[in-house]
């Protein structure tokens, strides 16, 4: 199992490289097809507007997947132990989304990480926590 981080190379306060992604309507359609989540709020503009939404909006799990990608790039494939989030706000097509991952604690060979997904205005879209195994020093 490849671990990107070791007890000698990571410290509390370290941050993962930022992953950015501009959400597109194509992303929503592709995610709907992959997940089977065909809720019209994610792809049908007239129905979303009729439901008093400004537009279609992104699937929460798609947003979580963006954060999950950044996490596995940072800690290494197979190192992620736990990952949980709260969906704080909807994501909208055209928004540039950026991950923020910070090491908040280290206990032996386990790192705790705070995770966030924000838009260009700094609004938190996803917030949560993860734990990952660290390699030996």
C-alpha atoms as a PDB file:
ATOM      1  CA  UNK A   1       0.000   0.000   0.000  1.00  0.00           C
ATOM      2  CA  UNK A   2       1.711   3.227  -1.101  1.00  0.00           C
ATOM      3  CA  UNK A   3       1.670   5.916   1.571  1.00  0.00           C
ATOM      4  CA  UNK A   4       2.585   9.421   0.472  1.00  0.00           C
ATOM      5  CA  UNK A   5       3.027  10.754   4.003  1.00  0.00           C
ATOM      6  CA  UNK A   6       5.267   9.491   6.775  1.00  0.00           C
ATOM      7  CA  UNK A   7       5.609  10.385  10.423  1.00  0.00           C
ATOM      8  CA  UNK A   8       8.825  12.215   9.468  1.00  0.00           C
ATOM      9  CA  UNK A   9       7.376  14.223   6.564  1.00  0.00           C
ATOM     10  CA  UNK A  10       4.086  15.527   7.954  1.00  0.00           C
ATOM     11  CA  UNK A  11       3.276  17.869  10.826  1.00  0.00           C
ATOM     12  CA  UNK A  12       0.194  19.415  12.368  1.00  0.00           C
ATOM     13  CA  UNK A  13      -0.754  22.455  10.303  1.00  0.00           C
ATOM     14  CA  UNK A  14       0.517  21.059   7.004  1.00  0.00           C
ATOM     15  CA  UNK A  15      -1.819  21.547   4.066  1.00  0.00           C
ATOM     16  CA  UNK A  16      -2.388  19.387   1.018  1.00  0.00           C
ATOM     17  CA  UNK A  17      -1.960  20.821  -2.460  1.00  0.00           C
ATOM     18  CA  UNK A  18      -5.183  22.534  -3.567  1.00  0.00           C
ATOM     19  CA  UNK A  19      -7.274  20.780  -6.197  1.00  0.00           C
ATOM     20  CA  UNK A  20      -9.522  23.093  -8.202  1.00  0.00           C
ATOM     21  CA  UNK A  21     -12.383  22.173 -10.499  1.00  0.00           C
ATOM     22  CA  UNK A  22     -14.918  24.323 -12.309  1.00  0.00           C
ATOM     23  CA  UNK A  23     -18.264  22.559 -12.044  1.00  0.00           C
ATOM     24  CA  UNK A  24     -20.016  22.128 -15.385  1.00  0.00           C
ATOM     25  CA  UNK A  25     -23.431  20.888 -16.409  1.00  0.00           C
ATOM     26  CA  UNK A  26     -21.634  18.043 -18.164  1.00  0.00           C
ATOM     27  CA  UNK A  27     -20.184  17.032 -14.785  1.00  0.00           C
ATOM     28  CA  UNK A  28     -23.728  16.811 -13.413  1.00  0.00           C
ATOM     29  CA  UNK A  29     -24.943  14.639 -16.278  1.00  0.00           C
ATOM     30  CA  UNK A  30     -21.883  12.381 -16.122  1.00  0.00           C
ATOM     31  CA  UNK A  31     -22.246  11.964 -12.360  1.00  0.00           C
ATOM     32  CA  UNK A  32     -25.964  11.200 -12.710  1.00  0.00           C
ATOM     33  CA  UNK A  33     -25.155   8.459 -15.201  1.00  0.00           C
ATOM     34  CA  UNK A  34     -22.381   6.991 -13.069  1.00  0.00           C
ATOM     35  CA  UNK A  35     -24.326   7.103  -9.798  1.00  0.00           C
ATOM     36  CA  UNK A  36     -27.879   6.507 -11.009  1.00  0.00           C
ATOM     37  CA  UNK A  37     -28.999   9.693  -9.216  1.00  0.00           C
ATOM     38  CA  UNK A  38     -31.339  11.236 -11.784  1.00  0.00           C
ATOM     39  CA  UNK A  39     -33.019  13.717  -9.462  1.00  0.00           C
ATOM     40  CA  UNK A  40     -34.250  16.442 -11.844  1.00  0.00           C
ATOM     41  CA  UNK A  41     -32.821  19.144  -9.552  1.00  0.00           C
ATOM     42  CA  UNK A  42     -29.416  18.147 -10.943  1.00  0.00           C
ATOM     43  CA  UNK A  43     -30.196  18.248 -14.667  1.00  0.00           C
ATOM     44  CA  UNK A  44     -33.621  19.720 -15.485  1.00  0.00           C
ATOM     45  CA  UNK A  45     -33.466  23.529 -15.422  1.00  0.00           C
ATOM     46  CA  UNK A  46     -37.249  24.184 -15.661  1.00  0.00           C
ATOM     47  CA  UNK A  47     -37.982  21.759 -12.802  1.00  0.00           C
ATOM     48  CA  UNK A  48     -35.209  23.224 -10.655  1.00  0.00           C
ATOM     49  CA  UNK A  49     -36.518  26.757 -11.233  1.00  0.00           C
ATOM     50  CA  UNK A  50     -40.096  25.614 -10.545  1.00  0.00           C
ATOM     51  CA  UNK A  51     -38.808  24.270  -7.214  1.00  0.00           C
ATOM     52  CA  UNK A  52     -37.541  27.804  -6.456  1.00  0.00           C
ATOM     53  CA  UNK A  53     -33.898  27.035  -7.132  1.00  0.00           C
ATOM     54  CA  UNK A  54     -31.878  29.522  -9.201  1.00  0.00           C
ATOM     55  CA  UNK A  55     -30.672  26.676 -11.436  1.00  0.00           C
ATOM     56  CA  UNK A  56     -29.745  23.017 -11.380  1.00  0.00           C
ATOM     57  CA  UNK A  57     -27.169  22.201  -8.706  1.00  0.00           C
ATOM     58  CA  UNK A  58     -24.464  19.651  -8.090  1.00  0.00           C
ATOM     59  CA  UNK A  59     -24.889  16.328  -6.349  1.00  0.00           C
ATOM     60  CA  UNK A  60     -23.520  16.378  -2.819  1.00  0.00           C
ATOM     61  CA  UNK A  61     -21.640  13.158  -3.406  1.00  0.00           C
ATOM     62  CA  UNK A  62     -19.983  14.657  -6.487  1.00  0.00           C
ATOM     63  CA  UNK A  63     -18.630  17.430  -4.270  1.00  0.00           C
ATOM     64  CA  UNK A  64     -17.472  14.842  -1.744  1.00  0.00           C
ATOM     65  CA  UNK A  65     -15.746  12.996  -4.595  1.00  0.00           C
ATOM     66  CA  UNK A  66     -13.737  16.091  -5.508  1.00  0.00           C
ATOM     67  CA  UNK A  67     -12.485  16.282  -1.920  1.00  0.00           C
ATOM     68  CA  UNK A  68     -11.870  12.530  -1.871  1.00  0.00           C
ATOM     69  CA  UNK A  69      -9.695  12.802  -4.971  1.00  0.00           C
ATOM     70  CA  UNK A  70      -7.581  15.508  -3.345  1.00  0.00           C
ATOM     71  CA  UNK A  71      -7.308  13.414  -0.176  1.00  0.00           C
ATOM     72  CA  UNK A  72      -6.069  10.270  -1.914  1.00  0.00           C
ATOM     73  CA  UNK A  73      -3.610  12.301  -3.994  1.00  0.00           C
ATOM     74  CA  UNK A  74      -2.222  13.713  -0.734  1.00  0.00           C
ATOM     75  CA  UNK A  75      -2.134  10.707   1.573  1.00  0.00           C
ATOM     76  CA  UNK A  76      -1.718   7.934  -0.995  1.00  0.00           C
ATOM     77  CA  UNK A  77      -3.925   5.190  -2.343  1.00  0.00           C
ATOM     78  CA  UNK A  78      -4.983   2.870   0.464  1.00  0.00           C
ATOM     79  CA  UNK A  79      -3.929   5.205   3.294  1.00  0.00           C
ATOM     80  CA  UNK A  80      -7.340   6.808   3.821  1.00  0.00           C
ATOM     81  CA  UNK A  81      -9.008   5.247   6.856  1.00  0.00           C
ATOM     82  CA  UNK A  82     -12.097   7.385   7.489  1.00  0.00           C
ATOM     83  CA  UNK A  83     -13.773  10.181   5.563  1.00  0.00           C
ATOM     84  CA  UNK A  84     -16.977  11.955   6.543  1.00  0.00           C
ATOM     85  CA  UNK A  85     -18.483  15.247   5.462  1.00  0.00           C
ATOM     86  CA  UNK A  86     -21.431  17.556   5.910  1.00  0.00           C
ATOM     87  CA  UNK A  87     -22.870  19.214   2.823  1.00  0.00           C
ATOM     88  CA  UNK A  88     -22.965  22.872   3.855  1.00  0.00           C
ATOM     89  CA  UNK A  89     -24.179  24.564   0.651  1.00  0.00           C
ATOM     90  CA  UNK A  90     -25.212  23.692  -2.860  1.00  0.00           C
ATOM     91  CA  UNK A  91     -22.743  23.828  -5.718  1.00  0.00           C
ATOM     92  CA  UNK A  92     -23.709  25.559  -8.953  1.00  0.00           C
ATOM     93  CA  UNK A  93     -22.566  25.082 -12.539  1.00  0.00           C
ATOM     94  CA  UNK A  94     -19.794  27.539 -13.340  1.00  0.00           C
ATOM     95  CA  UNK A  95     -18.447  27.704  -9.792  1.00  0.00           C
ATOM     96  CA  UNK A  96     -14.749  27.131  -9.360  1.00  0.00           C
ATOM     97  CA  UNK A  97     -14.409  24.752  -6.431  1.00  0.00           C
ATOM     98  CA  UNK A  98     -11.186  24.364  -4.435  1.00  0.00           C
ATOM     99  CA  UNK A  99     -10.207  21.847  -1.805  1.00  0.00           C
ATOM    100  CA  UNK A 100      -8.630  22.736   1.522  1.00  0.00           C
ATOM    101  CA  UNK A 101      -7.095  19.898   3.522  1.00  0.00           C
ATOM    102  CA  UNK A 102      -5.223  20.560   6.768  1.00  0.00           C
ATOM    103  CA  UNK A 103      -3.487  18.136   9.143  1.00  0.00           C
ATOM    104  CA  UNK A 104      -5.032  18.843  12.552  1.00  0.00           C
ATOM    105  CA  UNK A 105      -3.580  16.030  14.683  1.00  0.00           C
ATOM    106  CA  UNK A 106      -1.117  13.170  14.571  1.00  0.00           C
ATOM    107  CA  UNK A 107      -1.424  10.189  16.907  1.00  0.00           C
ATOM    108  CA  UNK A 108       1.234   7.573  16.300  1.00  0.00           C
ATOM    109  CA  UNK A 109       0.901   6.632  12.637  1.00  0.00           C
ATOM    110  CA  UNK A 110      -2.559   8.177  12.102  1.00  0.00           C
ATOM    111  CA  UNK A 111      -3.116  11.723  10.864  1.00  0.00           C
ATOM    112  CA  UNK A 112      -6.417  13.536  11.335  1.00  0.00           C
ATOM    113  CA  UNK A 113      -7.291  15.963   8.568  1.00  0.00           C
ATOM    114  CA  UNK A 114      -9.880  18.718   8.324  1.00  0.00           C
ATOM    115  CA  UNK A 115     -11.354  18.858   4.822  1.00  0.00           C
ATOM    116  CA  UNK A 116     -13.265  21.605   3.025  1.00  0.00           C
ATOM    117  CA  UNK A 117     -14.513  22.442  -0.418  1.00  0.00           C
ATOM    118  CA  UNK A 118     -14.992  26.146  -1.133  1.00  0.00           C
ATOM    119  CA  UNK A 119     -16.123  28.209  -4.071  1.00  0.00           C
ATOM    120  CA  UNK A 120     -14.283  31.261  -5.408  1.00  0.00           C
ATOM    121  CA  UNK A 121     -16.095  33.507  -2.914  1.00  0.00           C
ATOM    122  CA  UNK A 122     -14.814  31.401  -0.017  1.00  0.00           C
ATOM    123  CA  UNK A 123     -18.215  29.855   0.766  1.00  0.00           C
ATOM    124  CA  UNK A 124     -17.839  26.432   2.331  1.00  0.00           C
ATOM    125  CA  UNK A 125     -19.695  23.849   0.291  1.00  0.00           C
ATOM    126  CA  UNK A 126     -18.442  20.696   2.025  1.00  0.00           C
ATOM    127  CA  UNK A 127     -16.820  20.400   5.462  1.00  0.00           C
ATOM    128  CA  UNK A 128     -15.593  17.307   7.192  1.00  0.00           C
ATOM    129  CA  UNK A 129     -12.816  15.186   8.587  1.00  0.00           C
ATOM    130  CA  UNK A 130     -10.661  12.277   7.516  1.00  0.00           C
ATOM    131  CA  UNK A 131      -8.001  10.049   9.016  1.00  0.00           C
ATOM    132  CA  UNK A 132      -5.102   8.488   7.170  1.00  0.00           C
ATOM    133  CA  UNK A 133      -2.289   6.079   7.935  1.00  0.00           C
ATOM    134  CA  UNK A 134       1.233   7.476   7.897  1.00  0.00           C
ATOM    135  CA  UNK A 135       4.223   5.496   6.789  1.00  0.00           C
ATOM    136  CA  UNK A 136       7.130   4.873   9.154  1.00  0.00           C
ATOM    137  CA  UNK A 137       9.823   7.553   9.351  1.00  0.00           C
END
